[in-house]
């Protein structure tokens, strides 16, 4: 495989990853992220309100539900429990 073919292959993979990422919803329910991380909803709520995350940017209230921004999910997943 030539360098050019390799670069084209890498570019195609990156386009695929980008397209898959863009298909994710912009906001996720707190309960879904808590379940994925294996912590309680209350624990995650406490982390969000601790000051490390910015309201209306990283999370927002939608009625009586807390929704978490897609951009904040990786930071939440990296945090220790």
C-alpha atoms as a PDB file:
ATOM      1  CA  UNK A   1       0.000   0.000   0.000  1.00  0.00           C
ATOM      2  CA  UNK A   2       1.445   3.344  -1.002  1.00  0.00           C
ATOM      3  CA  UNK A   3       1.539   6.380   1.249  1.00  0.00           C
ATOM      4  CA  UNK A   4      -1.156   8.023  -0.833  1.00  0.00           C
ATOM      5  CA  UNK A   5      -3.483   5.037  -0.506  1.00  0.00           C
ATOM      6  CA  UNK A   6      -2.820   4.890   3.215  1.00  0.00           C
ATOM      7  CA  UNK A   7      -3.657   8.579   3.626  1.00  0.00           C
ATOM      8  CA  UNK A   8      -6.858   8.164   1.620  1.00  0.00           C
ATOM      9  CA  UNK A   9      -7.817   5.200   3.780  1.00  0.00           C
ATOM     10  CA  UNK A  10      -7.165   7.175   6.983  1.00  0.00           C
ATOM     11  CA  UNK A  11      -9.149  10.123   5.633  1.00  0.00           C
ATOM     12  CA  UNK A  12     -12.098   7.865   4.829  1.00  0.00           C
ATOM     13  CA  UNK A  13     -12.004   6.400   8.334  1.00  0.00           C
ATOM     14  CA  UNK A  14     -11.982   9.878   9.876  1.00  0.00           C
ATOM     15  CA  UNK A  15     -14.942  10.935   7.742  1.00  0.00           C
ATOM     16  CA  UNK A  16     -16.811   7.825   8.892  1.00  0.00           C
ATOM     17  CA  UNK A  17     -16.042   8.570  12.553  1.00  0.00           C
ATOM     18  CA  UNK A  18     -17.095  12.207  12.147  1.00  0.00           C
ATOM     19  CA  UNK A  19     -20.370  11.200  10.504  1.00  0.00           C
ATOM     20  CA  UNK A  20     -21.080   8.698  13.270  1.00  0.00           C
ATOM     21  CA  UNK A  21     -20.360  11.333  15.920  1.00  0.00           C
ATOM     22  CA  UNK A  22     -22.664  13.865  14.277  1.00  0.00           C
ATOM     23  CA  UNK A  23     -25.519  11.375  14.374  1.00  0.00           C
ATOM     24  CA  UNK A  24     -25.395  11.317  18.165  1.00  0.00           C
ATOM     25  CA  UNK A  25     -27.997  13.462  19.889  1.00  0.00           C
ATOM     26  CA  UNK A  26     -26.870  16.868  21.135  1.00  0.00           C
ATOM     27  CA  UNK A  27     -28.229  16.228  24.665  1.00  0.00           C
ATOM     28  CA  UNK A  28     -28.411  13.030  26.744  1.00  0.00           C
ATOM     29  CA  UNK A  29     -30.599  12.381  29.800  1.00  0.00           C
ATOM     30  CA  UNK A  30     -28.686  12.286  33.080  1.00  0.00           C
ATOM     31  CA  UNK A  31     -30.094   8.835  33.839  1.00  0.00           C
ATOM     32  CA  UNK A  32     -28.589   7.379  30.660  1.00  0.00           C
ATOM     33  CA  UNK A  33     -25.101   8.711  31.413  1.00  0.00           C
ATOM     34  CA  UNK A  34     -25.319   7.586  35.052  1.00  0.00           C
ATOM     35  CA  UNK A  35     -26.322   4.085  33.947  1.00  0.00           C
ATOM     36  CA  UNK A  36     -23.473   3.925  31.408  1.00  0.00           C
ATOM     37  CA  UNK A  37     -20.947   5.063  34.014  1.00  0.00           C
ATOM     38  CA  UNK A  38     -22.363   2.760  36.694  1.00  0.00           C
ATOM     39  CA  UNK A  39     -23.088   5.466  39.265  1.00  0.00           C
ATOM     40  CA  UNK A  40     -26.291   6.742  40.801  1.00  0.00           C
ATOM     41  CA  UNK A  41     -28.199   9.627  39.291  1.00  0.00           C
ATOM     42  CA  UNK A  42     -27.753  11.563  42.523  1.00  0.00           C
ATOM     43  CA  UNK A  43     -23.984  11.094  42.399  1.00  0.00           C
ATOM     44  CA  UNK A  44     -23.843  12.374  38.828  1.00  0.00           C
ATOM     45  CA  UNK A  45     -26.138  15.275  39.695  1.00  0.00           C
ATOM     46  CA  UNK A  46     -23.766  16.207  42.529  1.00  0.00           C
ATOM     47  CA  UNK A  47     -20.789  16.142  40.140  1.00  0.00           C
ATOM     48  CA  UNK A  48     -22.589  18.410  37.702  1.00  0.00           C
ATOM     49  CA  UNK A  49     -23.451  20.909  40.408  1.00  0.00           C
ATOM     50  CA  UNK A  50     -19.971  20.822  42.000  1.00  0.00           C
ATOM     51  CA  UNK A  51     -18.786  23.715  39.845  1.00  0.00           C
ATOM     52  CA  UNK A  52     -16.705  21.782  37.316  1.00  0.00           C
ATOM     53  CA  UNK A  53     -19.500  21.883  34.760  1.00  0.00           C
ATOM     54  CA  UNK A  54     -21.219  24.984  33.462  1.00  0.00           C
ATOM     55  CA  UNK A  55     -25.033  25.188  33.495  1.00  0.00           C
ATOM     56  CA  UNK A  56     -26.660  25.764  30.095  1.00  0.00           C
ATOM     57  CA  UNK A  57     -23.385  24.754  28.422  1.00  0.00           C
ATOM     58  CA  UNK A  58     -22.552  21.338  29.868  1.00  0.00           C
ATOM     59  CA  UNK A  59     -25.997  20.558  31.243  1.00  0.00           C
ATOM     60  CA  UNK A  60     -29.461  22.041  31.284  1.00  0.00           C
ATOM     61  CA  UNK A  61     -32.827  21.468  32.862  1.00  0.00           C
ATOM     62  CA  UNK A  62     -35.578  20.314  30.552  1.00  0.00           C
ATOM     63  CA  UNK A  63     -38.682  20.330  32.671  1.00  0.00           C
ATOM     64  CA  UNK A  64     -37.768  18.177  35.647  1.00  0.00           C
ATOM     65  CA  UNK A  65     -35.004  16.298  33.799  1.00  0.00           C
ATOM     66  CA  UNK A  66     -31.329  17.167  33.607  1.00  0.00           C
ATOM     67  CA  UNK A  67     -29.902  16.850  30.122  1.00  0.00           C
ATOM     68  CA  UNK A  68     -26.144  16.583  29.565  1.00  0.00           C
ATOM     69  CA  UNK A  69     -24.449  18.054  26.506  1.00  0.00           C
ATOM     70  CA  UNK A  70     -22.725  15.700  24.095  1.00  0.00           C
ATOM     71  CA  UNK A  71     -19.512  17.687  24.573  1.00  0.00           C
ATOM     72  CA  UNK A  72     -19.544  17.092  28.350  1.00  0.00           C
ATOM     73  CA  UNK A  73     -20.042  13.324  28.197  1.00  0.00           C
ATOM     74  CA  UNK A  74     -16.358  12.432  27.597  1.00  0.00           C
ATOM     75  CA  UNK A  75     -15.296  14.584  30.562  1.00  0.00           C
ATOM     76  CA  UNK A  76     -17.859  12.875  32.780  1.00  0.00           C
ATOM     77  CA  UNK A  77     -16.747   9.438  31.651  1.00  0.00           C
ATOM     78  CA  UNK A  78     -13.092  10.261  32.414  1.00  0.00           C
ATOM     79  CA  UNK A  79     -13.851  11.397  35.958  1.00  0.00           C
ATOM     80  CA  UNK A  80     -13.364   8.976  38.808  1.00  0.00           C
ATOM     81  CA  UNK A  81     -16.412   7.753  40.634  1.00  0.00           C
END
